[in-house]
Amino acid sequence: MWHLLCLVFLVMASATIAQADSYDEAEFAYDRGNYTRAARLFRPLAEQGIASAQYKLGLMYSKAWGVQKDYREALRWFHMAAEQGHAGAQYNLGLVYERGRGVRRDLVHAHMWYNVAAAMLSGDDEKTALKHRDHVASLITAAQIKKAREMARRCQQSEFKECL
């Protein structure tokens, strides 16, 4: 029995190390601007549920880096990463909803996502999210702002599972 447990542990450890190597390789390709290779390497990691890989694929689809521009696909990957608490994905969902890319423009959801992201960010990134939130707030009613704040609170309290 002990040998079986050791074997299972070794297999799991090897898979984790291989996953980390793949992620590092994907990041290296991304940082060098080899987006086609990065997308190919990030995809299986994203499908395995790695939030940072999902976020990167969302960025790549929104900007047509190594893949064909597809706002709906970007939205899908951003949502998956955001549900895991990835602040960059949450911020980008604010942009998606504010601009209506891949989804109907929805300033209440944009405000909500900027709020959620700002709570997770710090420094200049937090200031940027708050600046965008405040801009959106200037375009909607007080009742809509209140609704967005309630949605953000529910999203955070549910650990990002009730954010739509």
Protein backbone atom coordinates (compact mmCIF):
# COMPACT_ATOMS: atom_id res chain seq x y z
CA MET A 1 0.00 0.00 0.00
CA TRP A 2 2.81 2.43 0.90
CA HIS A 3 4.45 1.87 -2.51
CA LEU A 4 1.20 2.65 -4.27
CA LEU A 5 0.83 5.93 -2.38
CA CYS A 6 4.42 6.87 -3.22
CA LEU A 7 3.81 6.09 -6.89
CA VAL A 8 0.66 8.24 -6.97
CA PHE A 9 2.57 11.09 -5.29
CA LEU A 10 5.43 10.85 -7.81
CA VAL A 11 3.03 10.87 -10.76
CA MET A 12 1.21 13.92 -9.37
CA ALA A 13 4.48 15.73 -8.63
CA SER A 14 5.78 15.00 -12.14
CA ALA A 15 2.58 16.33 -13.68
CA THR A 16 2.82 19.52 -11.62
CA ILE A 17 6.46 20.06 -12.60
CA ALA A 18 5.63 19.45 -16.28
CA GLN A 19 2.74 21.90 -16.02
CA ALA A 20 5.04 24.54 -14.49
CA ASP A 21 7.59 23.99 -17.26
CA SER A 22 4.86 24.36 -19.90
CA TYR A 23 3.62 27.54 -18.27
CA ASP A 24 7.13 28.99 -18.13
CA GLU A 25 7.63 28.09 -21.79
CA ALA A 26 4.32 29.76 -22.69
CA GLU A 27 5.24 32.89 -20.72
CA PHE A 28 8.64 33.00 -22.42
CA ALA A 29 7.01 32.82 -25.87
CA TYR A 30 4.45 35.47 -24.85
CA ASP A 31 7.11 37.82 -23.50
CA ARG A 32 9.12 37.45 -26.72
CA GLY A 33 6.08 38.26 -28.86
CA ASN A 34 5.79 34.74 -30.24
CA TYR A 35 2.04 34.78 -29.65
CA THR A 36 1.13 31.88 -31.92
CA ARG A 37 3.36 29.56 -29.91
CA ALA A 38 2.21 31.12 -26.63
CA ALA A 39 -1.45 30.55 -27.53
CA ARG A 40 -0.73 26.93 -28.42
CA LEU A 41 1.05 26.41 -25.08
CA PHE A 42 -1.43 28.37 -22.94
CA ARG A 43 -4.54 26.62 -24.33
CA PRO A 44 -4.10 23.22 -22.61
CA LEU A 45 -3.13 24.96 -19.38
CA ALA A 46 -6.20 27.19 -19.60
CA GLU A 47 -8.39 24.17 -20.29
CA GLN A 48 -6.96 22.58 -17.12
CA GLY A 49 -8.24 25.60 -15.19
CA ILE A 50 -5.09 27.67 -14.68
CA ALA A 51 -6.43 31.20 -14.23
CA SER A 52 -3.32 33.04 -15.44
CA ALA A 53 -3.33 31.00 -18.67
CA GLN A 54 -7.04 31.72 -19.12
CA TYR A 55 -6.35 35.42 -18.62
CA LYS A 56 -3.52 35.43 -21.16
CA LEU A 57 -5.71 33.67 -23.73
CA GLY A 58 -8.41 36.27 -23.10
CA LEU A 59 -5.91 39.04 -23.79
CA MET A 60 -4.65 37.31 -26.91
CA TYR A 61 -8.16 36.87 -28.33
CA SER A 62 -9.10 40.47 -27.53
CA LYS A 63 -5.99 41.82 -29.27
CA ALA A 64 -5.57 39.23 -32.06
CA TRP A 65 -2.15 38.19 -30.75
CA GLY A 66 -1.34 34.80 -32.24
CA VAL A 67 -5.02 34.00 -32.72
CA GLN A 68 -7.86 35.49 -34.72
CA LYS A 69 -9.57 38.37 -32.91
CA ASP A 70 -12.63 36.98 -31.18
CA TYR A 71 -14.22 39.08 -28.45
CA ARG A 72 -16.64 36.33 -27.44
CA GLU A 73 -13.76 33.92 -26.93
CA ALA A 74 -11.87 36.58 -24.96
CA LEU A 75 -14.97 37.09 -22.81
CA ARG A 76 -15.21 33.35 -22.16
CA TRP A 77 -11.59 33.08 -20.98
CA PHE A 78 -11.79 36.27 -18.91
CA HIS A 79 -14.89 34.96 -17.15
CA MET A 80 -13.19 31.66 -16.29
CA ALA A 81 -10.16 33.43 -14.84
CA ALA A 82 -12.26 36.06 -13.04
CA GLU A 83 -14.28 33.33 -11.32
CA GLN A 84 -11.00 32.16 -9.79
CA GLY A 85 -10.23 35.62 -8.47
CA HIS A 86 -7.84 36.79 -11.20
CA ALA A 87 -7.89 40.59 -10.83
CA GLY A 88 -6.53 41.26 -14.33
CA ALA A 89 -9.35 39.24 -15.85
CA GLN A 90 -11.86 41.05 -13.64
CA TYR A 91 -10.52 44.41 -14.79
CA ASN A 92 -10.66 43.32 -18.43
CA LEU A 93 -14.27 42.24 -17.97
CA GLY A 94 -14.93 45.83 -16.91
CA LEU A 95 -13.42 46.98 -20.19
CA VAL A 96 -15.36 44.38 -22.18
CA TYR A 97 -18.69 45.45 -20.69
CA GLU A 98 -17.86 49.15 -20.89
CA ARG A 99 -16.97 48.95 -24.57
CA GLY A 100 -19.48 46.28 -25.58
CA ARG A 101 -16.92 43.94 -27.10
CA GLY A 102 -18.30 40.43 -27.53
CA VAL A 103 -21.27 41.35 -25.39
CA ARG A 104 -23.96 44.03 -25.32
CA ARG A 105 -22.59 47.19 -23.69
CA ASP A 106 -23.57 47.09 -20.02
CA LEU A 107 -22.26 49.91 -17.84
CA VAL A 108 -23.72 48.44 -14.65
CA HIS A 109 -21.70 45.24 -15.17
CA ALA A 110 -18.66 47.31 -16.16
CA HIS A 111 -18.94 49.28 -12.90
CA MET A 112 -19.34 46.05 -10.94
CA TRP A 113 -16.28 44.41 -12.49
CA TYR A 114 -14.13 47.51 -11.96
CA ASN A 115 -15.20 47.51 -8.30
CA VAL A 116 -14.36 43.83 -7.91
CA ALA A 117 -10.98 44.25 -9.61
CA ALA A 118 -10.07 47.35 -7.60
CA ALA A 119 -10.65 45.42 -4.37
CA MET A 120 -8.12 42.81 -5.54
CA LEU A 121 -5.53 45.23 -6.93
CA SER A 122 -3.13 47.69 -5.34
CA GLY A 123 -1.03 50.67 -6.31
CA ASP A 124 -1.34 52.06 -9.81
CA ASP A 125 -3.42 49.11 -10.99
CA GLU A 126 -6.01 49.79 -8.29
CA LYS A 127 -6.03 53.50 -9.21
CA THR A 128 -6.60 52.64 -12.87
CA ALA A 129 -9.54 50.35 -12.04
CA LEU A 130 -11.05 53.03 -9.79
CA LYS A 131 -10.57 55.69 -12.48
CA HIS A 132 -12.45 53.53 -14.98
CA ARG A 133 -15.15 52.77 -12.41
CA ASP A 134 -15.60 56.46 -11.68
CA HIS A 135 -15.80 57.27 -15.39
CA VAL A 136 -18.52 54.65 -15.84
CA ALA A 137 -20.29 56.03 -12.74
CA SER A 138 -20.49 59.42 -14.46
CA LEU A 139 -22.50 57.79 -17.26
CA ILE A 140 -25.11 55.94 -15.18
CA THR A 141 -27.75 56.82 -12.61
CA ALA A 142 -27.42 56.66 -8.82
CA ALA A 143 -29.79 53.67 -8.82
CA GLN A 144 -27.58 51.87 -11.33
CA ILE A 145 -24.48 52.62 -9.23
CA LYS A 146 -26.23 51.18 -6.19
CA LYS A 147 -27.15 48.05 -8.17
CA ALA A 148 -23.55 47.68 -9.41
CA ARG A 149 -22.21 47.97 -5.86
CA GLU A 150 -24.66 45.32 -4.64
CA MET A 151 -23.65 43.05 -7.51
CA ALA A 152 -19.96 43.55 -6.66
CA ARG A 153 -20.61 42.74 -3.01
CA ARG A 154 -22.51 39.55 -3.93
CA CYS A 155 -19.74 38.58 -6.36
CA GLN A 156 -17.05 39.00 -3.72
CA GLN A 157 -19.03 37.27 -0.97
CA SER A 158 -19.68 34.28 -3.23
CA GLU A 159 -15.96 34.05 -4.00
CA PHE A 160 -16.65 35.12 -7.61
CA LYS A 161 -19.29 32.44 -8.33
CA GLU A 162 -22.29 34.83 -8.46
CA CYS A 163 -21.00 37.64 -10.62
CA LEU A 164 -23.39 37.79 -13.55
